[in-house]
All heavy atoms as atom14 arrays in JSON, in Angstrom:
{
  "sequence": "QKTRRRRDRMRTPRQFRPRGVVPACPVVIVDDVVTTG",
  "atom14_mask": [
    [1, 1, 1, 1, 1, 1, 1, 1, 1, 0, 0, 0, 0, 0],
    [1, 1, 1, 1, 1, 1, 1, 1, 1, 0, 0, 0, 0, 0],
    [1, 1, 1, 1, 1, 1, 1, 0, 0, 0, 0, 0, 0, 0],
    [1, 1, 1, 1, 1, 1, 1, 1, 1, 1, 1, 0, 0, 0],
    [1, 1, 1, 1, 1, 1, 1, 1, 1, 1, 1, 0, 0, 0],
    [1, 1, 1, 1, 1, 1, 1, 1, 1, 1, 1, 0, 0, 0],
    [1, 1, 1, 1, 1, 1, 1, 1, 1, 1, 1, 0, 0, 0],
    [1, 1, 1, 1, 1, 1, 1, 1, 0, 0, 0, 0, 0, 0],
    [1, 1, 1, 1, 1, 1, 1, 1, 1, 1, 1, 0, 0, 0],
    [1, 1, 1, 1, 1, 1, 1, 1, 0, 0, 0, 0, 0, 0],
    [1, 1, 1, 1, 1, 1, 1, 1, 1, 1, 1, 0, 0, 0],
    [1, 1, 1, 1, 1, 1, 1, 0, 0, 0, 0, 0, 0, 0],
    [1, 1, 1, 1, 1, 1, 1, 0, 0, 0, 0, 0, 0, 0],
    [1, 1, 1, 1, 1, 1, 1, 1, 1, 1, 1, 0, 0, 0],
    [1, 1, 1, 1, 1, 1, 1, 1, 1, 0, 0, 0, 0, 0],
    [1, 1, 1, 1, 1, 1, 1, 1, 1, 1, 1, 0, 0, 0],
    [1, 1, 1, 1, 1, 1, 1, 1, 1, 1, 1, 0, 0, 0],
    [1, 1, 1, 1, 1, 1, 1, 0, 0, 0, 0, 0, 0, 0],
    [1, 1, 1, 1, 1, 1, 1, 1, 1, 1, 1, 0, 0, 0],
    [1, 1, 1, 1, 0, 0, 0, 0, 0, 0, 0, 0, 0, 0],
    [1, 1, 1, 1, 1, 1, 1, 0, 0, 0, 0, 0, 0, 0],
    [1, 1, 1, 1, 1, 1, 1, 0, 0, 0, 0, 0, 0, 0],
    [1, 1, 1, 1, 1, 1, 1, 0, 0, 0, 0, 0, 0, 0],
    [1, 1, 1, 1, 1, 0, 0, 0, 0, 0, 0, 0, 0, 0],
    [1, 1, 1, 1, 1, 1, 0, 0, 0, 0, 0, 0, 0, 0],
    [1, 1, 1, 1, 1, 1, 1, 0, 0, 0, 0, 0, 0, 0],
    [1, 1, 1, 1, 1, 1, 1, 0, 0, 0, 0, 0, 0, 0],
    [1, 1, 1, 1, 1, 1, 1, 0, 0, 0, 0, 0, 0, 0],
    [1, 1, 1, 1, 1, 1, 1, 1, 0, 0, 0, 0, 0, 0],
    [1, 1, 1, 1, 1, 1, 1, 0, 0, 0, 0, 0, 0, 0],
    [1, 1, 1, 1, 1, 1, 1, 1, 0, 0, 0, 0, 0, 0],
    [1, 1, 1, 1, 1, 1, 1, 1, 0, 0, 0, 0, 0, 0],
    [1, 1, 1, 1, 1, 1, 1, 0, 0, 0, 0, 0, 0, 0],
    [1, 1, 1, 1, 1, 1, 1, 0, 0, 0, 0, 0, 0, 0],
    [1, 1, 1, 1, 1, 1, 1, 0, 0, 0, 0, 0, 0, 0],
    [1, 1, 1, 1, 1, 1, 1, 0, 0, 0, 0, 0, 0, 0],
    [1, 1, 1, 1, 0, 0, 0, 0, 0, 0, 0, 0, 0, 0]
  ],
  "atom14_positions": [
    [[8.28, -5.43, 6.14], [8.35, -5.45, 4.68], [9.79, -5.43, 4.2], [10.14, -6.13, 3.26], [7.63, -4.23, 4.09], [6.14, -4.36, 4.09], [5.64, -5.24, 2.96], [5.85, -6.44, 2.96], [4.97, -4.65, 2.02], [0.0, 0.0, 0.0], [0.0, 0.0, 0.0], [0.0, 0.0, 0.0], [0.0, 0.0, 0.0], [0.0, 0.0, 0.0]],
    [[10.64, -4.62, 4.83], [11.99, -4.44, 4.31], [12.85, -5.7, 4.41], [13.88, -5.77, 3.77], [12.67, -3.26, 4.99], [12.85, -3.39, 6.48], [13.39, -2.1, 7.05], [13.2, -2.08, 8.55], [13.46, -0.78, 9.1], [0.0, 0.0, 0.0], [0.0, 0.0, 0.0], [0.0, 0.0, 0.0], [0.0, 0.0, 0.0], [0.0, 0.0, 0.0]],
    [[12.44, -6.68, 5.18], [13.24, -7.91, 5.29], [12.74, -9.0, 4.35], [13.29, -10.09, 4.35], [13.21, -8.45, 6.74], [11.87, -8.8, 7.08], [13.77, -7.43, 7.71], [0.0, 0.0, 0.0], [0.0, 0.0, 0.0], [0.0, 0.0, 0.0], [0.0, 0.0, 0.0], [0.0, 0.0, 0.0], [0.0, 0.0, 0.0], [0.0, 0.0, 0.0]],
    [[11.72, -8.71, 3.55], [11.13, -9.73, 2.68], [11.39, -9.41, 1.21], [11.42, -8.26, 0.83], [9.63, -9.81, 2.95], [9.36, -10.22, 4.38], [7.95, -9.98, 4.84], [7.0, -10.62, 3.98], [5.81, -10.11, 3.72], [5.46, -8.96, 4.24], [4.96, -10.76, 2.95], [0.0, 0.0, 0.0], [0.0, 0.0, 0.0], [0.0, 0.0, 0.0]],
    [[11.56, -10.43, 0.39], [11.77, -10.24, -1.03], [10.46, -9.86, -1.71], [9.38, -10.15, -1.21], [12.34, -11.51, -1.65], [13.74, -11.8, -1.15], [14.32, -12.94, -1.91], [13.41, -14.09, -1.85], [13.79, -15.34, -1.85], [15.05, -15.63, -1.9], [12.91, -16.32, -1.82], [0.0, 0.0, 0.0], [0.0, 0.0, 0.0], [0.0, 0.0, 0.0]],
    [[10.58, -9.24, -2.9], [9.4, -8.8, -3.65], [8.42, -9.94, -3.87], [7.23, -9.78, -3.69], [9.81, -8.18, -4.99], [8.58, -7.79, -5.81], [8.93, -7.0, -7.04], [7.79, -6.8, -7.89], [6.81, -5.94, -7.7], [6.8, -5.2, -6.63], [5.81, -5.84, -8.54], [0.0, 0.0, 0.0], [0.0, 0.0, 0.0], [0.0, 0.0, 0.0]],
    [[8.92, -11.1, -4.27], [8.04, -12.25, -4.54], [7.22, -12.6, -3.31], [6.02, -12.84, -3.38], [8.88, -13.45, -4.98], [8.06, -14.67, -5.33], [8.93, -15.82, -5.8], [9.78, -16.27, -4.71], [11.1, -16.48, -4.82], [11.72, -16.28, -5.94], [11.78, -16.9, -3.78], [0.0, 0.0, 0.0], [0.0, 0.0, 0.0], [0.0, 0.0, 0.0]],
    [[7.85, -12.58, -2.14], [7.14, -12.87, -0.89], [6.14, -11.77, -0.54], [5.05, -12.04, -0.05], [8.13, -13.06, 0.26], [9.05, -14.23, 0.03], [8.65, -15.2, -0.66], [10.2, -14.19, 0.53], [0.0, 0.0, 0.0], [0.0, 0.0, 0.0], [0.0, 0.0, 0.0], [0.0, 0.0, 0.0], [0.0, 0.0, 0.0], [0.0, 0.0, 0.0]],
    [[6.5, -10.52, -0.8], [5.6, -9.41, -0.52], [4.36, -9.48, -1.4], [3.26, -9.19, -0.97], [6.29, -8.08, -0.76], [7.38, -7.78, 0.22], [7.98, -6.46, -0.11], [9.24, -6.29, 0.6], [9.84, -5.14, 0.73], [9.31, -4.07, 0.21], [10.96, -5.05, 1.37], [0.0, 0.0, 0.0], [0.0, 0.0, 0.0], [0.0, 0.0, 0.0]],
    [[4.57, -9.84, -2.67], [3.46, -9.87, -3.61], [2.47, -10.98, -3.26], [1.3, -10.92, -3.64], [3.96, -10.02, -5.04], [4.84, -8.86, -5.5], [4.11, -7.24, -5.24], [3.07, -7.14, -6.67], [0.0, 0.0, 0.0], [0.0, 0.0, 0.0], [0.0, 0.0, 0.0], [0.0, 0.0, 0.0], [0.0, 0.0, 0.0], [0.0, 0.0, 0.0]],
    [[2.91, -12.0, -2.57], [2.01, -13.09, -2.15], [1.2, -12.72, -0.91], [0.24, -13.4, -0.57], [2.83, -14.34, -1.84], [3.41, -14.99, -3.04], [4.1, -16.27, -2.64], [4.87, -16.78, -3.74], [6.04, -17.37, -3.63], [6.58, -17.52, -2.44], [6.68, -17.8, -4.69], [0.0, 0.0, 0.0], [0.0, 0.0, 0.0], [0.0, 0.0, 0.0]],
    [[1.62, -11.66, -0.23], [0.93, -11.24, 0.99], [-0.48, -10.77, 0.66], [-0.66, -9.98, -0.25], [1.7, -10.08, 1.66], [3.04, -10.5, 1.9], [1.05, -9.69, 2.97], [0.0, 0.0, 0.0], [0.0, 0.0, 0.0], [0.0, 0.0, 0.0], [0.0, 0.0, 0.0], [0.0, 0.0, 0.0], [0.0, 0.0, 0.0], [0.0, 0.0, 0.0]],
    [[-1.47, -11.26, 1.39], [-2.84, -10.78, 1.16], [-2.95, -9.28, 1.41], [-2.04, -8.66, 1.95], [-3.67, -11.55, 2.18], [-2.81, -12.66, 2.65], [-1.39, -12.25, 2.44], [0.0, 0.0, 0.0], [0.0, 0.0, 0.0], [0.0, 0.0, 0.0], [0.0, 0.0, 0.0], [0.0, 0.0, 0.0], [0.0, 0.0, 0.0], [0.0, 0.0, 0.0]],
    [[-4.07, -8.72, 1.06], [-4.32, -7.28, 1.2], [-3.89, -6.78, 2.58], [-4.21, -7.36, 3.6], [-5.8, -7.03, 0.98], [-6.16, -5.58, 0.97], [-7.61, -5.38, 0.76], [-8.28, -5.77, 1.98], [-9.58, -5.84, 2.11], [-10.36, -5.59, 1.11], [-10.12, -6.19, 3.25], [0.0, 0.0, 0.0], [0.0, 0.0, 0.0], [0.0, 0.0, 0.0]],
    [[-3.19, -5.68, 2.57], [-2.67, -5.1, 3.81], [-3.6, -4.07, 4.43], [-3.48, -3.75, 5.59], [-1.35, -4.39, 3.53], [-0.27, -5.26, 2.99], [0.96, -4.42, 2.65], [1.0, -3.22, 2.85], [1.96, -5.07, 2.13], [0.0, 0.0, 0.0], [0.0, 0.0, 0.0], [0.0, 0.0, 0.0], [0.0, 0.0, 0.0], [0.0, 0.0, 0.0]],
    [[-4.5, -3.51, 3.63], [-5.31, -2.39, 4.08], [-6.8, -2.67, 3.94], [-7.21, -3.56, 3.22], [-4.98, -1.14, 3.25], [-3.53, -0.79, 3.26], [-2.75, -1.01, 2.13], [-2.93, -0.27, 4.39], [-1.4, -0.71, 2.13], [-1.57, 0.03, 4.4], [-0.81, -0.19, 3.26], [0.0, 0.0, 0.0], [0.0, 0.0, 0.0], [0.0, 0.0, 0.0]],
    [[-7.56, -1.83, 4.62], [-9.02, -1.8, 4.44], [-9.4, -0.33, 4.38], [-8.71, 0.53, 4.92], [-9.74, -2.53, 5.56], [-9.54, -1.93, 6.92], [-10.31, -2.7, 8.01], [-9.91, -2.24, 9.32], [-10.27, -1.11, 9.89], [-11.07, -0.29, 9.26], [-9.86, -0.78, 11.09], [0.0, 0.0, 0.0], [0.0, 0.0, 0.0], [0.0, 0.0, 0.0]],
    [[-10.5, -0.03, 3.67], [-10.91, 1.37, 3.57], [-11.51, 1.86, 4.87], [-12.07, 1.09, 5.65], [-11.94, 1.36, 2.44], [-12.47, -0.03, 2.42], [-11.37, -0.93, 2.91], [0.0, 0.0, 0.0], [0.0, 0.0, 0.0], [0.0, 0.0, 0.0], [0.0, 0.0, 0.0], [0.0, 0.0, 0.0], [0.0, 0.0, 0.0], [0.0, 0.0, 0.0]],
    [[-11.41, 3.15, 5.1], [-12.06, 3.78, 6.24], [-12.4, 5.2, 5.85], [-11.71, 5.81, 5.04], [-11.2, 3.72, 7.49], [-10.08, 4.72, 7.54], [-9.28, 4.59, 8.79], [-9.17, 5.86, 9.47], [-8.35, 6.08, 10.46], [-7.56, 5.14, 10.9], [-8.3, 7.25, 11.03], [0.0, 0.0, 0.0], [0.0, 0.0, 0.0], [0.0, 0.0, 0.0]],
    [[-13.44, 5.72, 6.4], [-13.82, 7.1, 6.12], [-14.7, 7.23, 4.89], [-15.06, 6.26, 4.24], [0.0, 0.0, 0.0], [0.0, 0.0, 0.0], [0.0, 0.0, 0.0], [0.0, 0.0, 0.0], [0.0, 0.0, 0.0], [0.0, 0.0, 0.0], [0.0, 0.0, 0.0], [0.0, 0.0, 0.0], [0.0, 0.0, 0.0], [0.0, 0.0, 0.0]],
    [[-15.0, 8.46, 4.56], [-15.88, 8.81, 3.45], [-15.03, 9.09, 2.22], [-14.02, 9.79, 2.29], [-16.73, 10.05, 3.81], [-17.6, 10.47, 2.64], [-17.57, 9.77, 5.04], [0.0, 0.0, 0.0], [0.0, 0.0, 0.0], [0.0, 0.0, 0.0], [0.0, 0.0, 0.0], [0.0, 0.0, 0.0], [0.0, 0.0, 0.0], [0.0, 0.0, 0.0]],
    [[-15.44, 8.57, 1.08], [-14.73, 8.79, -0.17], [-14.81, 10.26, -0.55], [-15.91, 10.82, -0.62], [-15.31, 7.91, -1.29], [-14.68, 8.24, -2.63], [-15.15, 6.44, -0.95], [0.0, 0.0, 0.0], [0.0, 0.0, 0.0], [0.0, 0.0, 0.0], [0.0, 0.0, 0.0], [0.0, 0.0, 0.0], [0.0, 0.0, 0.0], [0.0, 0.0, 0.0]],
    [[-13.66, 10.9, -0.79], [-13.69, 12.32, -1.16], [-14.19, 12.52, -2.59], [-14.05, 11.65, -3.44], [-12.23, 12.75, -1.02], [-11.45, 11.5, -1.24], [-12.31, 10.37, -0.7], [0.0, 0.0, 0.0], [0.0, 0.0, 0.0], [0.0, 0.0, 0.0], [0.0, 0.0, 0.0], [0.0, 0.0, 0.0], [0.0, 0.0, 0.0], [0.0, 0.0, 0.0]],
    [[-14.73, 13.69, -2.85], [-15.2, 14.02, -4.2], [-14.03, 14.33, -5.13], [-14.14, 14.21, -6.34], [-16.15, 15.21, -4.14], [0.0, 0.0, 0.0], [0.0, 0.0, 0.0], [0.0, 0.0, 0.0], [0.0, 0.0, 0.0], [0.0, 0.0, 0.0], [0.0, 0.0, 0.0], [0.0, 0.0, 0.0], [0.0, 0.0, 0.0], [0.0, 0.0, 0.0]],
    [[-12.89, 14.71, -4.56], [-11.72, 15.08, -5.37], [-10.8, 13.86, -5.57], [-10.91, 12.86, -4.88], [-10.96, 16.21, -4.69], [-10.35, 15.8, -3.04], [0.0, 0.0, 0.0], [0.0, 0.0, 0.0], [0.0, 0.0, 0.0], [0.0, 0.0, 0.0], [0.0, 0.0, 0.0], [0.0, 0.0, 0.0], [0.0, 0.0, 0.0], [0.0, 0.0, 0.0]],
    [[-9.88, 13.95, -6.52], [-8.93, 12.86, -6.74], [-8.01, 12.67, -5.53], [-7.87, 13.56, -4.69], [-8.12, 13.32, -7.96], [-8.89, 14.42, -8.58], [-9.72, 15.03, -7.49], [0.0, 0.0, 0.0], [0.0, 0.0, 0.0], [0.0, 0.0, 0.0], [0.0, 0.0, 0.0], [0.0, 0.0, 0.0], [0.0, 0.0, 0.0], [0.0, 0.0, 0.0]],
    [[-7.36, 11.5, -5.5], [-6.52, 11.11, -4.37], [-5.08, 10.91, -4.83], [-4.83, 10.32, -5.88], [-7.06, 9.78, -3.78], [-6.06, 9.12, -2.87], [-8.38, 10.02, -3.06], [0.0, 0.0, 0.0], [0.0, 0.0, 0.0], [0.0, 0.0, 0.0], [0.0, 0.0, 0.0], [0.0, 0.0, 0.0], [0.0, 0.0, 0.0], [0.0, 0.0, 0.0]],
    [[-4.14, 11.41, -4.01], [-2.72, 11.13, -4.18], [-2.27, 10.37, -2.94], [-2.46, 10.84, -1.81], [-1.88, 12.42, -4.35], [-0.39, 12.1, -4.4], [-2.31, 13.19, -5.59], [0.0, 0.0, 0.0], [0.0, 0.0, 0.0], [0.0, 0.0, 0.0], [0.0, 0.0, 0.0], [0.0, 0.0, 0.0], [0.0, 0.0, 0.0], [0.0, 0.0, 0.0]],
    [[-1.71, 9.18, -3.13], [-1.2, 8.38, -2.02], [0.15, 8.96, -1.6], [0.98, 9.28, -2.44], [-1.05, 6.91, -2.44], [-2.42, 6.33, -2.86], [-0.44, 6.08, -1.31], [-2.32, 4.99, -3.54], [0.0, 0.0, 0.0], [0.0, 0.0, 0.0], [0.0, 0.0, 0.0], [0.0, 0.0, 0.0], [0.0, 0.0, 0.0], [0.0, 0.0, 0.0]],
    [[0.38, 9.07, -0.29], [1.63, 9.59, 0.24], [2.29, 8.49, 1.08], [1.65, 7.93, 1.98], [1.4, 10.85, 1.1], [2.69, 11.33, 1.74], [0.77, 11.96, 0.27], [0.0, 0.0, 0.0], [0.0, 0.0, 0.0], [0.0, 0.0, 0.0], [0.0, 0.0, 0.0], [0.0, 0.0, 0.0], [0.0, 0.0, 0.0], [0.0, 0.0, 0.0]],
    [[3.56, 8.21, 0.77], [4.31, 7.21, 1.55], [5.72, 7.73, 1.77], [6.15, 8.69, 1.14], [4.32, 5.86, 0.82], [4.56, 4.68, 1.76], [4.7, 4.89, 2.98], [4.6, 3.54, 1.27], [0.0, 0.0, 0.0], [0.0, 0.0, 0.0], [0.0, 0.0, 0.0], [0.0, 0.0, 0.0], [0.0, 0.0, 0.0], [0.0, 0.0, 0.0]],
    [[6.43, 7.08, 2.69], [7.78, 7.54, 3.02], [8.84, 6.94, 2.09], [9.6, 7.66, 1.49], [8.11, 7.27, 4.49], [7.83, 5.84, 4.91], [7.52, 4.99, 4.05], [7.92, 5.56, 6.11], [0.0, 0.0, 0.0], [0.0, 0.0, 0.0], [0.0, 0.0, 0.0], [0.0, 0.0, 0.0], [0.0, 0.0, 0.0], [0.0, 0.0, 0.0]],
    [[8.9, 5.63, 1.98], [9.94, 4.97, 1.17], [9.29, 3.9, 0.31], [8.5, 3.1, 0.81], [11.03, 4.33, 2.07], [12.08, 3.62, 1.22], [11.7, 5.39, 2.95], [0.0, 0.0, 0.0], [0.0, 0.0, 0.0], [0.0, 0.0, 0.0], [0.0, 0.0, 0.0], [0.0, 0.0, 0.0], [0.0, 0.0, 0.0], [0.0, 0.0, 0.0]],
    [[9.62, 3.89, -0.97], [9.14, 2.84, -1.86], [10.3, 1.88, -2.14], [11.42, 2.31, -2.41], [8.55, 3.4, -3.17], [9.56, 4.14, -4.0], [7.91, 2.29, -4.0], [0.0, 0.0, 0.0], [0.0, 0.0, 0.0], [0.0, 0.0, 0.0], [0.0, 0.0, 0.0], [0.0, 0.0, 0.0], [0.0, 0.0, 0.0], [0.0, 0.0, 0.0]],
    [[9.99, 0.59, -2.0], [10.99, -0.44, -2.25], [10.58, -1.29, -3.45], [11.24, -1.3, -4.47], [11.18, -1.33, -0.99], [11.52, -0.47, 0.11], [12.27, -2.34, -1.21], [0.0, 0.0, 0.0], [0.0, 0.0, 0.0], [0.0, 0.0, 0.0], [0.0, 0.0, 0.0], [0.0, 0.0, 0.0], [0.0, 0.0, 0.0], [0.0, 0.0, 0.0]],
    [[9.47, -1.99, -3.33], [8.99, -2.83, -4.43], [7.71, -2.31, -5.06], [7.38, -2.69, -6.17], [8.69, -4.27, -3.94], [7.6, -4.23, -3.02], [9.91, -4.9, -3.31], [0.0, 0.0, 0.0], [0.0, 0.0, 0.0], [0.0, 0.0, 0.0], [0.0, 0.0, 0.0], [0.0, 0.0, 0.0], [0.0, 0.0, 0.0], [0.0, 0.0, 0.0]],
    [[6.98, -1.47, -4.37], [5.71, -0.97, -4.87], [4.5, -1.75, -4.39], [3.37, -1.37, -4.65], [0.0, 0.0, 0.0], [0.0, 0.0, 0.0], [0.0, 0.0, 0.0], [0.0, 0.0, 0.0], [0.0, 0.0, 0.0], [0.0, 0.0, 0.0], [0.0, 0.0, 0.0], [0.0, 0.0, 0.0], [0.0, 0.0, 0.0], [0.0, 0.0, 0.0]]
  ]
}
């Protein structure tokens, strides 16, 4: 990701798929470094 421009990253298809059981409580996403979002 860090070697690609935002425009190129935004064209990338979905990176993730869900796994596990949806929790009853709200979710906070945790990541290490944000570059483009």
